[in-house]
Amino acid sequence: MASIYQINKGVSKPIVFKGLKAQYIAYLAVGLVLLLIGFAVLYISGVSLFIVLPLIIILGTVLFIGTFRLSHRFGEHGLMKYLARKGLPKSIKFRSRRIFTTLKYSNHGRS
């Protein structure tokens, strides 16, 4: 018997566009908007088009290559995990035992 309900099988999958995953699509979009604004500002300020155009093309190429590399290297959540891991201290130093000796016992977890 055929079901009359459609099954959405891609509910929990990340958004993928042309190989870019999740937040990297937004990074690329924001970078392109910034390049467009930079081009407009340089062009309106009177900088020669022979300087502005190659600069924007080079920066756009770097943006595309960098975004695709990050997407392929880290995946959907990998960049956030990588940056969080870099924020952790390598070690914790204690100069005194006073913090541990002044702790009082509590009845949490004891019968």
Protein backbone atom coordinates (compact mmCIF):
# COMPACT_ATOMS: atom_id res chain seq x y z
CA MET A 1 0.00 0.00 0.00
CA ALA A 2 1.42 3.37 -0.99
CA SER A 3 1.82 6.04 1.65
CA ILE A 4 0.18 9.40 1.12
CA TYR A 5 2.78 11.16 3.30
CA GLN A 6 6.11 12.33 1.97
CA ILE A 7 9.17 11.36 3.97
CA ASN A 8 11.76 14.09 4.33
CA LYS A 9 15.04 12.17 4.54
CA GLY A 10 17.39 15.15 4.63
CA VAL A 11 16.17 16.90 7.78
CA SER A 12 19.35 16.66 9.84
CA LYS A 13 21.85 16.95 6.99
CA PRO A 14 23.98 20.10 6.71
CA ILE A 15 23.42 22.57 3.90
CA VAL A 16 25.82 21.89 1.03
CA PHE A 17 26.29 24.19 -1.98
CA LYS A 18 28.85 23.35 -4.67
CA GLY A 19 31.01 21.52 -2.12
CA LEU A 20 30.82 24.19 0.60
CA LYS A 21 29.33 23.01 3.87
CA ALA A 22 27.29 24.85 6.48
CA GLN A 23 28.79 28.15 7.70
CA TYR A 24 31.38 28.34 4.90
CA ILE A 25 28.60 29.40 2.52
CA ALA A 26 27.99 32.42 4.73
CA TYR A 27 31.73 33.15 4.99
CA LEU A 28 31.99 33.18 1.19
CA ALA A 29 28.88 35.38 0.82
CA VAL A 30 30.14 37.92 3.37
CA GLY A 31 33.56 37.95 1.69
CA LEU A 32 32.01 38.60 -1.72
CA VAL A 33 29.90 41.45 -0.35
CA LEU A 34 33.02 42.98 1.24
CA LEU A 35 34.88 42.65 -2.06
CA LEU A 36 32.02 44.39 -3.86
CA ILE A 37 32.01 47.24 -1.34
CA GLY A 38 35.81 47.49 -1.54
CA PHE A 39 35.65 47.68 -5.33
CA ALA A 40 33.00 50.41 -5.19
CA VAL A 41 34.94 52.47 -2.63
CA LEU A 42 38.21 52.24 -4.56
CA TYR A 43 36.56 52.99 -7.89
CA ILE A 44 34.61 55.98 -6.55
CA SER A 45 37.68 57.35 -4.78
CA GLY A 46 39.43 57.60 -8.15
CA VAL A 47 41.92 54.75 -8.05
CA SER A 48 42.78 53.53 -11.54
CA LEU A 49 40.76 50.60 -12.86
CA PHE A 50 44.04 48.93 -13.89
CA ILE A 51 44.94 48.72 -10.20
CA VAL A 52 41.49 48.04 -8.72
CA LEU A 53 40.43 45.20 -11.02
CA PRO A 54 43.50 42.95 -10.59
CA LEU A 55 43.47 43.60 -6.84
CA ILE A 56 39.80 42.54 -6.52
CA ILE A 57 40.36 39.50 -8.76
CA ILE A 58 43.36 38.36 -6.70
CA LEU A 59 41.51 38.90 -3.39
CA GLY A 60 38.45 37.07 -4.75
CA THR A 61 40.60 34.13 -5.83
CA VAL A 62 42.22 33.99 -2.39
CA LEU A 63 38.77 34.15 -0.79
CA PHE A 64 37.42 31.26 -2.88
CA ILE A 65 40.48 29.06 -2.44
CA GLY A 66 40.68 29.77 1.30
CA THR A 67 36.99 29.13 1.91
CA PHE A 68 36.98 25.85 -0.03
CA ARG A 69 40.14 24.69 1.77
CA LEU A 70 38.62 25.41 5.17
CA SER A 71 35.42 23.62 4.18
CA HIS A 72 37.26 20.52 3.00
CA ARG A 73 39.75 20.48 5.89
CA PHE A 74 37.40 21.04 8.81
CA GLY A 75 33.94 20.10 7.59
CA GLU A 76 30.70 21.23 9.16
CA HIS A 77 31.72 21.86 12.79
CA GLY A 78 35.46 21.23 12.66
CA LEU A 79 36.60 24.85 12.51
CA MET A 80 34.66 25.76 15.65
CA LYS A 81 36.10 22.73 17.48
CA TYR A 82 39.61 23.61 16.28
CA LEU A 83 39.32 27.21 17.49
CA ALA A 84 37.82 26.08 20.81
CA ARG A 85 40.68 23.62 21.35
CA LYS A 86 43.23 26.36 20.68
CA GLY A 87 41.59 28.47 23.40
CA LEU A 88 42.20 25.86 26.10
CA PRO A 89 45.27 26.35 28.28
CA LYS A 90 48.14 23.89 27.91
CA SER A 91 48.48 23.52 31.65
CA ILE A 92 47.14 24.94 34.90
CA LYS A 93 49.58 26.02 37.59
CA PHE A 94 48.72 26.20 41.25
CA ARG A 95 50.98 28.18 43.55
CA SER A 96 49.18 27.13 46.71
CA ARG A 97 47.17 24.18 48.04
CA ARG A 98 44.92 26.49 50.02
CA ILE A 99 42.08 26.27 47.51
CA PHE A 100 41.93 22.49 48.00
CA THR A 101 42.51 22.41 51.76
CA THR A 102 39.68 24.84 52.44
CA LEU A 103 37.08 22.81 50.56
CA LYS A 104 34.40 21.32 52.76
CA TYR A 105 32.87 17.95 52.20
CA SER A 106 29.28 17.89 51.05
CA ASN A 107 26.76 15.08 50.98
CA HIS A 108 26.38 15.19 47.21
CA GLY A 109 26.56 11.69 45.84
CA ARG A 110 26.99 10.06 49.26
CA SER A 111 24.48 7.84 50.98
